[in-house]
C-alpha cells in the first residue's frame, strides 16, 4: 500500500468494531485500507482515554471515494474534519 505518509485518516472509532465495519465497507468497494491502533488498547481491550482509538487509513488517492462510501452507509460514521452541526 505504500508508505504511511501517503495515507489519510477517513474514520476514527473507539474500539475495533466500528473500524472493522468501515474497513469491510471500503474493501468491498475495492479501496485499500489499513487500521492503526494503540497496541495496548488492542491487547487489553481498553477503549477509554484514547487507548481504544482506531484510525482507518486509505491511500490519499482514494480519500474522496472512501469518504463517499462511508457517508452513504446506513449509520454514517463521524469522519475527521467533518463539519459539526
C-alpha atoms as a PDB file:
ATOM      1  CA  UNK A   1       0.000   0.000   0.000  1.00  0.00           C
ATOM      2  CA  UNK A   2       2.964   2.383   0.132  1.00  0.00           C
ATOM      3  CA  UNK A   3       4.419   4.459   2.915  1.00  0.00           C
ATOM      4  CA  UNK A   4       2.232   5.589   5.802  1.00  0.00           C
ATOM      5  CA  UNK A   5       2.933   9.184   4.737  1.00  0.00           C
ATOM      6  CA  UNK A   6       0.762   8.549   1.670  1.00  0.00           C
ATOM      7  CA  UNK A   7      -2.199   7.562   3.863  1.00  0.00           C
ATOM      8  CA  UNK A   8      -5.036   9.709   5.207  1.00  0.00           C
ATOM      9  CA  UNK A   9      -7.430   9.069   8.097  1.00  0.00           C
ATOM     10  CA  UNK A  10     -11.013   8.797   6.858  1.00  0.00           C
ATOM     11  CA  UNK A  11     -12.611   7.397  10.015  1.00  0.00           C
ATOM     12  CA  UNK A  12     -11.832   7.230  13.735  1.00  0.00           C
ATOM     13  CA  UNK A  13     -13.565   4.924  16.209  1.00  0.00           C
ATOM     14  CA  UNK A  14     -13.266   4.000  19.851  1.00  0.00           C
ATOM     15  CA  UNK A  15     -12.684   0.280  19.692  1.00  0.00           C
ATOM     16  CA  UNK A  16     -12.190  -2.093  16.800  1.00  0.00           C
ATOM     17  CA  UNK A  17     -15.796  -2.994  15.920  1.00  0.00           C
ATOM     18  CA  UNK A  18     -16.769   0.158  14.020  1.00  0.00           C
ATOM     19  CA  UNK A  19     -13.319   0.369  12.456  1.00  0.00           C
ATOM     20  CA  UNK A  20     -13.596  -3.205  11.166  1.00  0.00           C
ATOM     21  CA  UNK A  21     -17.065  -2.428   9.768  1.00  0.00           C
ATOM     22  CA  UNK A  22     -15.750   0.671   7.967  1.00  0.00           C
ATOM     23  CA  UNK A  23     -12.793  -1.355   6.678  1.00  0.00           C
ATOM     24  CA  UNK A  24     -15.129  -4.014   5.297  1.00  0.00           C
ATOM     25  CA  UNK A  25     -17.314  -1.439   3.525  1.00  0.00           C
ATOM     26  CA  UNK A  26     -14.290   0.200   1.927  1.00  0.00           C
ATOM     27  CA  UNK A  27     -12.650  -3.071   0.877  1.00  0.00           C
ATOM     28  CA  UNK A  28     -15.946  -4.185  -0.696  1.00  0.00           C
ATOM     29  CA  UNK A  29     -15.611  -1.150  -2.985  1.00  0.00           C
ATOM     30  CA  UNK A  30     -12.016  -2.028  -3.886  1.00  0.00           C
ATOM     31  CA  UNK A  31     -10.460   0.628  -1.658  1.00  0.00           C
ATOM     32  CA  UNK A  32      -7.256  -0.464   0.121  1.00  0.00           C
ATOM     33  CA  UNK A  33      -7.481   0.062   3.886  1.00  0.00           C
ATOM     34  CA  UNK A  34      -5.144  -0.043   6.859  1.00  0.00           C
ATOM     35  CA  UNK A  35      -6.103   0.121  10.532  1.00  0.00           C
ATOM     36  CA  UNK A  36      -3.854   1.889  13.039  1.00  0.00           C
ATOM     37  CA  UNK A  37      -4.416   1.425  16.760  1.00  0.00           C
ATOM     38  CA  UNK A  38      -2.624   1.562  20.075  1.00  0.00           C
ATOM     39  CA  UNK A  39      -1.268  -1.915  20.755  1.00  0.00           C
ATOM     40  CA  UNK A  40      -2.038  -1.780  24.481  1.00  0.00           C
ATOM     41  CA  UNK A  41      -5.696  -0.957  23.828  1.00  0.00           C
ATOM     42  CA  UNK A  42      -5.994  -3.883  21.424  1.00  0.00           C
ATOM     43  CA  UNK A  43      -4.246  -6.330  23.772  1.00  0.00           C
ATOM     44  CA  UNK A  44      -6.151  -5.344  26.907  1.00  0.00           C
ATOM     45  CA  UNK A  45      -9.436  -4.477  25.180  1.00  0.00           C
ATOM     46  CA  UNK A  46      -9.380  -0.952  26.601  1.00  0.00           C
ATOM     47  CA  UNK A  47     -11.466   1.739  24.956  1.00  0.00           C
ATOM     48  CA  UNK A  48     -11.041   4.599  27.416  1.00  0.00           C
ATOM     49  CA  UNK A  49      -8.807   7.639  27.382  1.00  0.00           C
ATOM     50  CA  UNK A  50      -7.813   7.161  23.739  1.00  0.00           C
ATOM     51  CA  UNK A  51      -6.412   3.665  24.236  1.00  0.00           C
ATOM     52  CA  UNK A  52      -9.150   2.125  22.113  1.00  0.00           C
ATOM     53  CA  UNK A  53      -8.834   4.649  19.300  1.00  0.00           C
ATOM     54  CA  UNK A  54      -8.614   3.038  15.885  1.00  0.00           C
ATOM     55  CA  UNK A  55      -7.795   5.082  12.778  1.00  0.00           C
ATOM     56  CA  UNK A  56      -8.980   3.846   9.395  1.00  0.00           C
ATOM     57  CA  UNK A  57      -6.483   4.948   6.763  1.00  0.00           C
ATOM     58  CA  UNK A  58      -6.606   4.846   2.976  1.00  0.00           C
ATOM     59  CA  UNK A  59      -4.149   5.989   0.299  1.00  0.00           C
ATOM     60  CA  UNK A  60      -4.584   9.708  -0.405  1.00  0.00           C
ATOM     61  CA  UNK A  61      -5.740   8.948  -3.957  1.00  0.00           C
ATOM     62  CA  UNK A  62      -8.769   7.074  -2.536  1.00  0.00           C
ATOM     63  CA  UNK A  63      -9.746   9.642   0.099  1.00  0.00           C
ATOM     64  CA  UNK A  64     -12.741  11.166  -1.723  1.00  0.00           C
ATOM     65  CA  UNK A  65     -14.123   7.766  -2.735  1.00  0.00           C
ATOM     66  CA  UNK A  66     -13.662   6.413   0.803  1.00  0.00           C
ATOM     67  CA  UNK A  67     -15.475   9.358   2.360  1.00  0.00           C
ATOM     68  CA  UNK A  68     -18.322   8.916  -0.147  1.00  0.00           C
ATOM     69  CA  UNK A  69     -18.668   5.218   0.776  1.00  0.00           C
ATOM     70  CA  UNK A  70     -18.665   5.978   4.499  1.00  0.00           C
ATOM     71  CA  UNK A  71     -21.183   8.813   4.129  1.00  0.00           C
ATOM     72  CA  UNK A  72     -23.560   6.519   2.213  1.00  0.00           C
ATOM     73  CA  UNK A  73     -23.513   3.854   4.939  1.00  0.00           C
ATOM     74  CA  UNK A  74     -26.782   3.263   6.876  1.00  0.00           C
ATOM     75  CA  UNK A  75     -25.351   4.921  10.012  1.00  0.00           C
ATOM     76  CA  UNK A  76     -22.782   7.399   8.693  1.00  0.00           C
ATOM     77  CA  UNK A  77     -19.703   7.425  10.911  1.00  0.00           C
ATOM     78  CA  UNK A  78     -18.065  10.639  12.022  1.00  0.00           C
ATOM     79  CA  UNK A  79     -15.028  11.422   9.922  1.00  0.00           C
ATOM     80  CA  UNK A  80     -12.126  13.727  10.703  1.00  0.00           C
ATOM     81  CA  UNK A  81     -12.595  17.329   9.579  1.00  0.00           C
ATOM     82  CA  UNK A  82     -16.351  16.843   9.146  1.00  0.00           C
ATOM     83  CA  UNK A  83     -18.365  19.987   9.875  1.00  0.00           C
ATOM     84  CA  UNK A  84     -20.200  19.809  13.188  1.00  0.00           C
ATOM     85  CA  UNK A  85     -23.856  20.744  13.446  1.00  0.00           C
END
